[in-house]
Amino acid sequence: FLYLAGQFCCGFFLILILGNFWFLAVLYLLWLYLDWETPCAGGRRSQWVRSWTVWKYFREYFPIRLIKTSDLNPNHNYLLGFHPHGVLVAGAFGNFCTGPSFKNLFPGLTPYLHIMPIWFGCPFFREYVMSAGMVSASKESVSYVLNNEGGGHASIIVIGGAEESLNAHPGSLTLNILKRKGFIKMALKHGAHLVPVFSFGENELFKQVANPKGSWLRNLQEKLQKIMGFALPLFHARGVFQYSFGLIPYRQPINTVVGSPIPVKRNLNPTTEEIDDLHALYLQKLRQLFEEHKRNYGIPEHKSLIFE
């Protein structure tokens, strides 16, 4: 969906260049040059955009709900690890970029959803995603958010990234996380408390063409991901007036459960062992969060998370 929206905005920009409005395109390019670093410096959110009525209908369509399990002291900064990626990442967008749920449940905290830097190179589209509270997932951007001395900032990072979207099949509980330790290092360097977040129902919104590891399709998708920087899962769901085929996501409830914080002491030069130890603790707390809540959201008792 980000890809399609980004392509639409780039297409509109091309029309400006080729049409009689080329001067507007030149002015925008100048603005783009002057504003290039903003996505790495906290972005430029708009409460008006975040409060659009359309987002209310978006959240109620599934519906999307945010569940709190513990208080988060606004005197600290937090790094929230969001799982799983799914195809749409609907729970992350609906809960952290729209509506009042996060603000009501966690007063004093400002959420920043980090997405791939490539999207901030798309003309016009970058303005929209920043207005919704999204910022770059670069190290500089995460550092900027977590470096707030007074606390009150929450970085939300989809840990599995684009690669994990290729595992987004209904019923899948596979998370790409064993080799992903950069977020742990960032938390240590800034003393940001870690918070595991699991979004139940995220993988149920679409059906994806079978792409087991080792298949020609999976190999092609992984090669394209390395070239373009983002994955291209082949998915489908329902249509507007029929349920057999289309690109509209299924109406499946999404319950995003925010776990308890893992206290982290600031360590500017963490050792590999310290990173590994905190990573192992994070995995333990994430699995515990899933096990404690899976019965509430229709996950069979015998099913557990698979870490890759």
Foldseek 3Di string as FASTA:
>chain_A
DLVVVLVVLLVVLVCCCPDPNVVVSVVLVVVCVVCVCQLLQQFDAALVLQEDPVLVVVCVQLPAAEAEDDADDQQAEAEEAEDDCAQPNSNCLSQQQHDCRVCVRHPLAHEEEADDSVSCVRPPSVNSCRRSRYGHPDLSSLCNQLQPNRGRYYYYYNQQAQLSNQQLAVPAQEGAHPPRLPVLLSCQQSQHWYKYKYKPPRSQFWHFDDDPPPDPVSVVQVVVCVVVVHGDTHIWAQDDPGTPTHRGTDSHYIYMYIGDTHGHHHDNDDDPVRSVVVSVVVVVRNQVVCQVCVVVRPRDNPDGHHYD
